[in-house]
PDB file of all heavy atoms in Angstrom:
ATOM      1  N   TYR A   1      -4.686 -43.419 255.768  1.00  0.00           N
ATOM      2  CA  TYR A   1      -5.416 -42.127 255.269  1.00  0.00           C
ATOM      3  C   TYR A   1      -6.000 -42.428 253.894  1.00  0.00           C
ATOM      4  O   TYR A   1      -5.253 -42.524 252.916  1.00  0.00           O
ATOM      5  CB  TYR A   1      -4.405 -40.897 255.108  1.00  0.00           C
ATOM      6  CG  TYR A   1      -3.835 -40.412 256.323  1.00  0.00           C
ATOM      7  CD1 TYR A   1      -2.485 -40.903 256.622  1.00  0.00           C
ATOM      8  CD2 TYR A   1      -4.371 -39.410 257.057  1.00  0.00           C
ATOM      9  CE1 TYR A   1      -1.829 -40.384 257.815  1.00  0.00           C
ATOM     10  CE2 TYR A   1      -3.633 -38.848 258.154  1.00  0.00           C
ATOM     11  CZ  TYR A   1      -2.390 -39.359 258.596  1.00  0.00           C
ATOM     12  OH  TYR A   1      -1.839 -38.934 259.701  1.00  0.00           O
ATOM     13  N   TYR A   2      -7.248 -42.677 253.803  1.00  0.00           N
ATOM     14  CA  TYR A   2      -8.387 -42.689 254.656  1.00  0.00           C
ATOM     15  C   TYR A   2      -9.018 -44.016 254.396  1.00  0.00           C
ATOM     16  O   TYR A   2      -9.003 -44.585 253.334  1.00  0.00           O
ATOM     17  CB  TYR A   2      -9.276 -41.598 254.469  1.00  0.00           C
ATOM     18  CG  TYR A   2      -8.610 -40.228 254.709  1.00  0.00           C
ATOM     19  CD1 TYR A   2      -8.099 -39.456 253.650  1.00  0.00           C
ATOM     20  CD2 TYR A   2      -8.334 -39.731 255.966  1.00  0.00           C
ATOM     21  CE1 TYR A   2      -7.485 -38.207 253.874  1.00  0.00           C
ATOM     22  CE2 TYR A   2      -7.789 -38.623 256.228  1.00  0.00           C
ATOM     23  CZ  TYR A   2      -7.266 -37.757 255.123  1.00  0.00           C
ATOM     24  OH  TYR A   2      -6.555 -36.621 255.469  1.00  0.00           O
ATOM     25  N   PRO A   3      -9.721 -44.703 255.492  1.00  0.00           N
ATOM     26  CA  PRO A   3     -10.241 -45.977 255.316  1.00  0.00           C
ATOM     27  C   PRO A   3     -11.426 -46.127 254.431  1.00  0.00           C
ATOM     28  O   PRO A   3     -11.826 -47.186 253.989  1.00  0.00           O
ATOM     29  CB  PRO A   3     -10.518 -46.444 256.793  1.00  0.00           C
ATOM     30  CG  PRO A   3     -10.726 -45.207 257.492  1.00  0.00           C
ATOM     31  CD  PRO A   3      -9.811 -44.167 256.800  1.00  0.00           C
ATOM     32  N   THR A   4     -12.287 -44.904 254.281  1.00  0.00           N
ATOM     33  CA  THR A   4     -13.509 -45.035 253.533  1.00  0.00           C
ATOM     34  C   THR A   4     -13.660 -43.836 252.685  1.00  0.00           C
ATOM     35  O   THR A   4     -13.423 -42.704 253.155  1.00  0.00           O
ATOM     36  CB  THR A   4     -14.716 -45.057 254.451  1.00  0.00           C
ATOM     37  OG1 THR A   4     -14.559 -46.258 255.348  1.00  0.00           O
ATOM     38  CG2 THR A   4     -16.131 -45.250 253.723  1.00  0.00           C
ATOM     39  N   ALA A   5     -13.926 -43.861 251.496  1.00  0.00           N
ATOM     40  CA  ALA A   5     -14.204 -42.740 250.623  1.00  0.00           C
ATOM     41  C   ALA A   5     -15.348 -41.936 251.177  1.00  0.00           C
ATOM     42  O   ALA A   5     -16.291 -42.414 251.743  1.00  0.00           O
ATOM     43  CB  ALA A   5     -14.574 -43.150 249.218  1.00  0.00           C
ATOM     44  N   LEU A   6     -15.225 -40.618 251.129  1.00  0.00           N
ATOM     45  CA  LEU A   6     -16.163 -39.676 251.770  1.00  0.00           C
ATOM     46  C   LEU A   6     -17.646 -39.980 251.348  1.00  0.00           C
ATOM     47  O   LEU A   6     -18.524 -39.910 252.128  1.00  0.00           O
ATOM     48  CB  LEU A   6     -15.775 -38.187 251.347  1.00  0.00           C
ATOM     49  CG  LEU A   6     -14.603 -37.707 252.176  1.00  0.00           C
ATOM     50  CD1 LEU A   6     -14.299 -36.262 251.768  1.00  0.00           C
ATOM     51  CD2 LEU A   6     -14.872 -37.771 253.682  1.00  0.00           C
ATOM     52  N   PRO A   7     -17.912 -40.111 250.034  1.00  0.00           N
ATOM     53  CA  PRO A   7     -19.340 -40.313 249.671  1.00  0.00           C
ATOM     54  C   PRO A   7     -20.005 -41.568 250.256  1.00  0.00           C
ATOM     55  O   PRO A   7     -21.218 -41.666 250.354  1.00  0.00           O
ATOM     56  CB  PRO A   7     -19.335 -40.490 248.079  1.00  0.00           C
ATOM     57  CG  PRO A   7     -17.951 -39.959 247.734  1.00  0.00           C
ATOM     58  CD  PRO A   7     -17.094 -40.285 248.738  1.00  0.00           C
ATOM     59  N   LEU A   8     -19.111 -42.548 250.718  1.00  0.00           N
ATOM     60  CA  LEU A   8     -19.636 -43.762 251.402  1.00  0.00           C
ATOM     61  C   LEU A   8     -19.680 -43.680 252.939  1.00  0.00           C
ATOM     62  O   LEU A   8     -19.978 -44.693 253.551  1.00  0.00           O
ATOM     63  CB  LEU A   8     -18.823 -44.973 250.939  1.00  0.00           C
ATOM     64  CG  LEU A   8     -18.729 -45.152 249.301  1.00  0.00           C
ATOM     65  CD1 LEU A   8     -18.053 -46.361 249.042  1.00  0.00           C
ATOM     66  CD2 LEU A   8     -20.298 -45.129 248.739  1.00  0.00           C
ATOM     67  N   GLN A   9     -19.278 -42.552 253.384  1.00  0.00           N
ATOM     68  CA  GLN A   9     -19.279 -42.325 254.895  1.00  0.00           C
ATOM     69  C   GLN A   9     -20.758 -42.284 255.371  1.00  0.00           C
ATOM     70  O   GLN A   9     -21.552 -41.647 254.620  1.00  0.00           O
ATOM     71  CB  GLN A   9     -18.573 -41.049 255.245  1.00  0.00           C
ATOM     72  CG  GLN A   9     -17.072 -41.097 255.151  1.00  0.00           C
ATOM     73  CD  GLN A   9     -16.351 -41.867 256.158  1.00  0.00           C
ATOM     74  OE1 GLN A   9     -16.945 -42.207 257.153  1.00  0.00           O
ATOM     75  NE2 GLN A   9     -14.939 -41.843 256.054  1.00  0.00           N
ATOM     76  N   PRO A  10     -21.152 -42.767 256.519  1.00  0.00           N
ATOM     77  CA  PRO A  10     -22.499 -42.627 257.025  1.00  0.00           C
ATOM     78  C   PRO A  10     -23.088 -41.241 256.995  1.00  0.00           C
ATOM     79  O   PRO A  10     -24.168 -40.967 256.792  1.00  0.00           O
ATOM     80  CB  PRO A  10     -22.433 -43.236 258.439  1.00  0.00           C
ATOM     81  CG  PRO A  10     -21.219 -44.235 258.364  1.00  0.00           C
ATOM     82  CD  PRO A  10     -20.235 -43.650 257.417  1.00  0.00           C
ATOM     83  N   ALA A  11     -22.131 -40.197 257.316  1.00  0.00           N
ATOM     84  CA  ALA A  11     -22.575 -38.860 257.424  1.00  0.00           C
ATOM     85  C   ALA A  11     -23.141 -38.345 256.099  1.00  0.00           C
ATOM     86  O   ALA A  11     -23.890 -37.425 256.117  1.00  0.00           O
ATOM     87  CB  ALA A  11     -21.430 -37.983 257.840  1.00  0.00           C
ATOM     88  N   PHE A  12     -22.723 -38.961 254.981  1.00  0.00           N
ATOM     89  CA  PHE A  12     -23.198 -38.531 253.702  1.00  0.00           C
ATOM     90  C   PHE A  12     -24.205 -39.511 253.027  1.00  0.00           C
ATOM     91  O   PHE A  12     -24.358 -39.467 251.803  1.00  0.00           O
ATOM     92  CB  PHE A  12     -22.045 -38.241 252.731  1.00  0.00           C
ATOM     93  CG  PHE A  12     -21.147 -37.104 253.250  1.00  0.00           C
ATOM     94  CD1 PHE A  12     -19.892 -37.323 253.690  1.00  0.00           C
ATOM     95  CD2 PHE A  12     -21.640 -35.824 253.167  1.00  0.00           C
ATOM     96  CE1 PHE A  12     -19.133 -36.301 254.139  1.00  0.00           C
ATOM     97  CE2 PHE A  12     -20.837 -34.766 253.665  1.00  0.00           C
ATOM     98  CZ  PHE A  12     -19.595 -35.017 254.063  1.00  0.00           C
ATOM     99  N   ALA A  13     -24.785 -40.451 253.823  1.00  0.00           N
ATOM    100  CA  ALA A  13     -25.770 -41.336 253.203  1.00  0.00           C
ATOM    101  C   ALA A  13     -26.890 -40.713 252.560  1.00  0.00           C
ATOM    102  O   ALA A  13     -27.432 -41.295 251.680  1.00  0.00           O
ATOM    103  CB  ALA A  13     -26.170 -42.336 254.359  1.00  0.00           C
ATOM    104  N   TYR A  14     -27.197 -39.582 253.119  1.00  0.00           N
ATOM    105  CA  TYR A  14     -28.402 -38.856 252.474  1.00  0.00           C
ATOM    106  C   TYR A  14     -28.326 -38.534 251.070  1.00  0.00           C
ATOM    107  O   TYR A  14     -29.189 -38.191 250.319  1.00  0.00           O
ATOM    108  CB  TYR A  14     -28.735 -37.618 253.349  1.00  0.00           C
ATOM    109  CG  TYR A  14     -27.709 -36.394 253.235  1.00  0.00           C
ATOM    110  CD1 TYR A  14     -27.951 -35.469 252.298  1.00  0.00           C
ATOM    111  CD2 TYR A  14     -26.625 -36.407 254.019  1.00  0.00           C
ATOM    112  CE1 TYR A  14     -26.984 -34.375 252.202  1.00  0.00           C
ATOM    113  CE2 TYR A  14     -25.718 -35.463 253.945  1.00  0.00           C
ATOM    114  CZ  TYR A  14     -25.896 -34.485 252.988  1.00  0.00           C
ATOM    115  OH  TYR A  14     -25.063 -33.362 252.843  1.00  0.00           O
ATOM    116  N   LEU A  15     -26.982 -38.526 250.601  1.00  0.00           N
ATOM    117  CA  LEU A  15     -26.733 -38.156 249.170  1.00  0.00           C
ATOM    118  C   LEU A  15     -26.996 -39.370 248.235  1.00  0.00           C
ATOM    119  O   LEU A  15     -27.122 -39.191 246.977  1.00  0.00           O
ATOM    120  CB  LEU A  15     -25.279 -37.619 249.022  1.00  0.00           C
ATOM    121  CG  LEU A  15     -25.051 -36.310 249.681  1.00  0.00           C
ATOM    122  CD1 LEU A  15     -23.591 -36.041 249.557  1.00  0.00           C
ATOM    123  CD2 LEU A  15     -25.774 -35.191 249.063  1.00  0.00           C
ATOM    124  N   GLY A  16     -27.161 -40.520 248.855  1.00  0.00           N
ATOM    125  CA  GLY A  16     -27.511 -41.722 248.111  1.00  0.00           C
ATOM    126  C   GLY A  16     -26.522 -42.440 247.217  1.00  0.00           C
ATOM    127  O   GLY A  16     -26.739 -43.157 246.302  1.00  0.00           O
ATOM    128  N   HIS A  17     -25.172 -42.256 247.468  1.00  0.00           N
ATOM    129  CA  HIS A  17     -24.099 -42.873 246.714  1.00  0.00           C
ATOM    130  C   HIS A  17     -23.909 -44.368 247.079  1.00  0.00           C
ATOM    131  O   HIS A  17     -24.222 -44.763 248.287  1.00  0.00           O
ATOM    132  CB  HIS A  17     -22.809 -42.140 247.040  1.00  0.00           C
ATOM    133  CG  HIS A  17     -22.834 -40.648 246.416  1.00  0.00           C
ATOM    134  ND1 HIS A  17     -22.954 -40.416 245.027  1.00  0.00           N
ATOM    135  CD2 HIS A  17     -22.700 -39.459 247.103  1.00  0.00           C
ATOM    136  CE1 HIS A  17     -22.949 -39.117 244.915  1.00  0.00           C
ATOM    137  NE2 HIS A  17     -22.711 -38.482 246.132  1.00  0.00           N
ATOM    138  N   GLN A  18     -23.574 -45.100 246.195  1.00  0.00           N
ATOM    139  CA  GLN A  18     -23.397 -46.497 246.376  1.00  0.00           C
ATOM    140  C   GLN A  18     -21.908 -46.947 246.067  1.00  0.00           C
ATOM    141  O   GLN A  18     -21.189 -46.243 245.334  1.00  0.00           O
ATOM    142  CB  GLN A  18     -24.291 -47.365 245.491  1.00  0.00           C
ATOM    143  CG  GLN A  18     -25.733 -47.031 245.482  1.00  0.00           C
ATOM    144  CD  GLN A  18     -26.317 -47.414 246.835  1.00  0.00           C
ATOM    145  OE1 GLN A  18     -26.023 -48.392 247.437  1.00  0.00           O
ATOM    146  NE2 GLN A  18     -27.208 -46.600 247.379  1.00  0.00           N
ATOM    147  N   ALA A  19     -21.511 -48.147 246.655  1.00  0.00           N
ATOM    148  CA  ALA A  19     -20.244 -48.649 246.258  1.00  0.00           C
ATOM    149  C   ALA A  19     -20.101 -48.754 244.884  1.00  0.00           C
ATOM    150  O   ALA A  19     -20.946 -49.303 244.170  1.00  0.00           O
ATOM    151  CB  ALA A  19     -20.041 -49.973 247.069  1.00  0.00           C
ATOM    152  N   GLY A  20     -18.849 -48.446 244.306  1.00  0.00           N
ATOM    153  CA  GLY A  20     -18.606 -48.537 242.860  1.00  0.00           C
ATOM    154  C   GLY A  20     -18.929 -47.190 242.135  1.00  0.00           C
ATOM    155  O   GLY A  20     -18.420 -47.065 240.966  1.00  0.00           O
ATOM    156  N   ASP A  21     -19.473 -46.140 242.887  1.00  0.00           N
ATOM    157  CA  ASP A  21     -19.631 -44.898 242.230  1.00  0.00           C
ATOM    158  C   ASP A  21     -18.394 -44.181 242.010  1.00  0.00           C
ATOM    159  O   ASP A  21     -18.343 -43.269 241.017  1.00  0.00           O
ATOM    160  CB  ASP A  21     -20.650 -44.080 243.058  1.00  0.00           C
ATOM    161  CG  ASP A  21     -22.113 -44.477 242.994  1.00  0.00           C
ATOM    162  OD1 ASP A  21     -22.412 -45.365 242.135  1.00  0.00           O
ATOM    163  OD2 ASP A  21     -22.897 -44.013 243.772  1.00  0.00           O
ATOM    164  N   PHE A  22     -17.406 -44.381 242.858  1.00  0.00           N
ATOM    165  CA  PHE A  22     -16.046 -43.601 242.791  1.00  0.00           C
ATOM    166  C   PHE A  22     -14.995 -44.645 242.738  1.00  0.00           C
ATOM    167  O   PHE A  22     -14.361 -44.749 243.823  1.00  0.00           O
ATOM    168  CB  PHE A  22     -15.997 -42.623 243.998  1.00  0.00           C
ATOM    169  CG  PHE A  22     -17.182 -41.642 244.001  1.00  0.00           C
ATOM    170  CD1 PHE A  22     -18.333 -41.913 244.634  1.00  0.00           C
ATOM    171  CD2 PHE A  22     -17.037 -40.458 243.192  1.00  0.00           C
ATOM    172  CE1 PHE A  22     -19.386 -41.089 244.742  1.00  0.00           C
ATOM    173  CE2 PHE A  22     -18.139 -39.575 243.239  1.00  0.00           C
ATOM    174  CZ  PHE A  22     -19.299 -39.769 243.995  1.00  0.00           C
ATOM    175  N   PRO A  23     -14.738 -45.317 241.819  1.00  0.00           N
ATOM    176  CA  PRO A  23     -13.913 -46.516 241.772  1.00  0.00           C
ATOM    177  C   PRO A  23     -12.450 -46.164 242.123  1.00  0.00           C
ATOM    178  O   PRO A  23     -11.769 -47.015 242.815  1.00  0.00           O
ATOM    179  CB  PRO A  23     -13.969 -47.026 240.261  1.00  0.00           C
ATOM    180  CG  PRO A  23     -14.543 -45.962 239.534  1.00  0.00           C
ATOM    181  CD  PRO A  23     -15.377 -45.149 240.439  1.00  0.00           C
ATOM    182  N   ASN A  24     -11.872 -44.987 241.673  1.00  0.00           N
ATOM    183  CA  ASN A  24     -10.496 -44.720 242.055  1.00  0.00           C
ATOM    184  C   ASN A  24     -10.431 -44.436 243.527  1.00  0.00           C
ATOM    185  O   ASN A  24      -9.403 -44.909 244.296  1.00  0.00           O
ATOM    186  CB  ASN A  24      -9.986 -43.669 241.214  1.00  0.00           C
ATOM    187  CG  ASN A  24      -9.944 -43.996 239.694  1.00  0.00           C
ATOM    188  OD1 ASN A  24      -9.886 -45.164 239.399  1.00  0.00           O
ATOM    189  ND2 ASN A  24      -9.988 -42.924 238.782  1.00  0.00           N
ATOM    190  N   ALA A  25     -11.245 -43.606 244.009  1.00  0.00           N
ATOM    191  CA  ALA A  25     -11.274 -43.214 245.458  1.00  0.00           C
ATOM    192  C   ALA A  25     -11.415 -44.463 246.289  1.00  0.00           C
ATOM    193  O   ALA A  25     -10.686 -44.586 247.346  1.00  0.00           O
ATOM    194  CB  ALA A  25     -12.338 -42.182 245.743  1.00  0.00           C
ATOM    195  N   GLU A  26     -12.287 -45.363 246.035  1.00  0.00           N
ATOM    196  CA  GLU A  26     -12.561 -46.539 246.749  1.00  0.00           C
ATOM    197  C   GLU A  26     -11.370 -47.487 246.703  1.00  0.00           C
ATOM    198  O   GLU A  26     -11.056 -48.091 247.758  1.00  0.00           O
ATOM    199  CB  GLU A  26     -13.896 -47.190 246.225  1.00  0.00           C
ATOM    200  CG  GLU A  26     -15.085 -46.456 246.494  1.00  0.00           C
ATOM    201  CD  GLU A  26     -16.234 -46.977 245.781  1.00  0.00           C
ATOM    202  OE1 GLU A  26     -16.624 -48.133 245.894  1.00  0.00           O
ATOM    203  OE2 GLU A  26     -17.043 -46.126 245.000  1.00  0.00           O
ATOM    204  N   ALA A  27     -10.768 -47.631 245.569  1.00  0.00           N
ATOM    205  CA  ALA A  27      -9.525 -48.484 245.440  1.00  0.00           C
ATOM    206  C   ALA A  27      -8.457 -47.924 246.312  1.00  0.00           C
ATOM    207  O   ALA A  27      -7.626 -48.763 247.006  1.00  0.00           O
ATOM    208  CB  ALA A  27      -9.072 -48.603 243.924  1.00  0.00           C
ATOM    209  N   ILE A  28      -8.198 -46.618 246.339  1.00  0.00           N
ATOM    210  CA  ILE A  28      -7.168 -46.097 247.146  1.00  0.00           C
ATOM    211  C   ILE A  28      -7.178 -46.294 248.611  1.00  0.00           C
ATOM    212  O   ILE A  28      -6.391 -46.570 249.420  1.00  0.00           O
ATOM    213  CB  ILE A  28      -6.949 -44.560 246.894  1.00  0.00           C
ATOM    214  CG1 ILE A  28      -6.354 -44.442 245.455  1.00  0.00           C
ATOM    215  CG2 ILE A  28      -5.984 -43.959 247.925  1.00  0.00           C
ATOM    216  CD1 ILE A  28      -6.318 -43.039 245.000  1.00  0.00           C
ATOM    217  N   THR A  29      -8.708 -46.262 249.061  1.00  0.00           N
ATOM    218  CA  THR A  29      -8.918 -46.544 250.481  1.00  0.00           C
ATOM    219  C   THR A  29      -8.446 -47.861 250.923  1.00  0.00           C
ATOM    220  O   THR A  29      -8.178 -48.161 252.164  1.00  0.00           O
ATOM    221  CB  THR A  29     -10.392 -46.226 250.813  1.00  0.00           C
ATOM    222  OG1 THR A  29     -11.086 -47.152 250.185  1.00  0.00           O
ATOM    223  CG2 THR A  29     -10.738 -44.797 250.566  1.00  0.00           C
ATOM    224  N   GLY A  30      -8.413 -48.774 250.005  1.00  0.00           N
ATOM    225  CA  GLY A  30      -7.910 -50.237 250.392  1.00  0.00           C
ATOM    226  C   GLY A  30      -6.452 -50.454 250.267  1.00  0.00           C
ATOM    227  O   GLY A  30      -6.005 -51.451 250.632  1.00  0.00           O
ATOM    228  N   ARG A  31      -5.765 -49.413 249.724  1.00  0.00           N
ATOM    229  CA  ARG A  31      -4.389 -49.656 249.457  1.00  0.00           C
ATOM    230  C   ARG A  31      -3.434 -48.670 250.194  1.00  0.00           C
ATOM    231  O   ARG A  31      -2.202 -48.826 250.242  1.00  0.00           O
ATOM    232  CB  ARG A  31      -4.145 -49.578 247.942  1.00  0.00           C
ATOM    233  CG  ARG A  31      -4.711 -50.564 247.093  1.00  0.00           C
ATOM    234  CD  ARG A  31      -4.618 -50.397 245.685  1.00  0.00           C
ATOM    235  NE  ARG A  31      -3.337 -49.801 245.103  1.00  0.00           N
ATOM    236  CZ  ARG A  31      -2.302 -50.645 244.877  1.00  0.00           C
ATOM    237  NH1 ARG A  31      -2.460 -51.943 244.935  1.00  0.00           N
ATOM    238  NH2 ARG A  31      -1.193 -50.093 244.552  1.00  0.00           N
ATOM    239  N   SER A  32      -4.123 -47.522 250.570  1.00  0.00           N
ATOM    240  CA  SER A  32      -3.105 -46.436 251.119  1.00  0.00           C
ATOM    241  C   SER A  32      -2.698 -46.787 252.565  1.00  0.00           C
ATOM    242  O   SER A  32      -3.348 -47.300 253.398  1.00  0.00           O
ATOM    243  CB  SER A  32      -3.942 -45.169 251.172  1.00  0.00           C
ATOM    244  OG  SER A  32      -4.928 -45.108 252.148  1.00  0.00           O
ATOM    245  N   LEU A  33      -1.390 -46.363 252.749  1.00  0.00           N
ATOM    246  CA  LEU A  33      -0.716 -46.654 254.012  1.00  0.00           C
ATOM    247  C   LEU A  33       0.354 -45.535 254.217  1.00  0.00           C
ATOM    248  O   LEU A  33       1.258 -45.330 253.312  1.00  0.00           O
ATOM    249  CB  LEU A  33      -0.057 -47.859 254.126  1.00  0.00           C
ATOM    250  CG  LEU A  33       0.490 -48.427 255.460  1.00  0.00           C
ATOM    251  CD1 LEU A  33      -0.597 -48.528 256.575  1.00  0.00           C
ATOM    252  CD2 LEU A  33       1.378 -49.538 255.497  1.00  0.00           C
ATOM    253  N   ALA A  34       0.284 -44.850 255.260  1.00  0.00           N
ATOM    254  CA  ALA A  34       1.306 -43.887 255.605  1.00  0.00           C
ATOM    255  C   ALA A  34       2.382 -44.375 256.479  1.00  0.00           C
ATOM    256  O   ALA A  34       2.062 -44.941 257.578  1.00  0.00           O
ATOM    257  CB  ALA A  34       0.637 -42.650 256.318  1.00  0.00           C
ATOM    258  N   LEU A  35       3.648 -44.102 256.122  1.00  0.00           N
ATOM    259  CA  LEU A  35       4.856 -44.577 256.879  1.00  0.00           C
ATOM    260  C   LEU A  35       5.281 -43.467 257.654  1.00  0.00           C
ATOM    261  O   LEU A  35       5.167 -42.219 257.310  1.00  0.00           O
ATOM    262  CB  LEU A  35       5.949 -45.029 255.869  1.00  0.00           C
ATOM    263  CG  LEU A  35       5.511 -46.181 254.952  1.00  0.00           C
ATOM    264  CD1 LEU A  35       6.649 -46.594 254.087  1.00  0.00           C
ATOM    265  CD2 LEU A  35       5.046 -47.353 255.780  1.00  0.00           C
ATOM    266  N   PRO A  36       6.007 -43.614 258.787  1.00  0.00           N
ATOM    267  CA  PRO A  36       6.521 -42.532 259.594  1.00  0.00           C
ATOM    268  C   PRO A  36       7.485 -41.695 258.765  1.00  0.00           C
ATOM    269  O   PRO A  36       8.370 -42.127 258.107  1.00  0.00           O
ATOM    270  CB  PRO A  36       7.298 -43.283 260.779  1.00  0.00           C
ATOM    271  CG  PRO A  36       6.790 -44.623 260.788  1.00  0.00           C
ATOM    272  CD  PRO A  36       6.316 -44.980 259.369  1.00  0.00           C
ATOM    273  N   LEU A  37       7.174 -40.367 258.887  1.00  0.00           N
ATOM    274  CA  LEU A  37       8.226 -39.486 258.329  1.00  0.00           C
ATOM    275  C   LEU A  37       7.961 -38.025 259.060  1.00  0.00           C
ATOM    276  O   LEU A  37       6.856 -37.445 259.153  1.00  0.00           O
ATOM    277  CB  LEU A  37       7.861 -39.227 256.871  1.00  0.00           C
ATOM    278  CG  LEU A  37       8.844 -38.341 256.006  1.00  0.00           C
ATOM    279  CD1 LEU A  37       8.975 -38.705 254.544  1.00  0.00           C
ATOM    280  CD2 LEU A  37       8.575 -36.906 256.144  1.00  0.00           C
ATOM    281  N   TYR A  38       9.009 -37.512 259.595  1.00  0.00           N
ATOM    282  CA  TYR A  38       8.921 -36.214 260.240  1.00  0.00           C
ATOM    283  C   TYR A  38      10.410 -35.645 260.271  1.00  0.00           C
ATOM    284  O   TYR A  38      11.355 -36.525 260.208  1.00  0.00           O
ATOM    285  CB  TYR A  38       8.325 -36.108 261.616  1.00  0.00           C
ATOM    286  CG  TYR A  38       8.943 -37.222 262.623  1.00  0.00           C
ATOM    287  CD1 TYR A  38       9.934 -36.745 263.428  1.00  0.00           C
ATOM    288  CD2 TYR A  38       8.484 -38.519 262.634  1.00  0.00           C
ATOM    289  CE1 TYR A  38      10.552 -37.670 264.331  1.00  0.00           C
ATOM    290  CE2 TYR A  38       9.011 -39.354 263.468  1.00  0.00           C
ATOM    291  CZ  TYR A  38      10.085 -39.027 264.415  1.00  0.00           C
ATOM    292  OH  TYR A  38      10.549 -39.995 265.168  1.00  0.00           O
TER     293      TYR A  38
END
């Protein structure tokens, strides 16, 4: 959760964002991992 920051998703390409515009969000997408818990 989640593999790509929202501004860089194809669905929002019309907004014109580029890699590096949201450094913290982009970094988390490369590090986040959810472990089983219920």
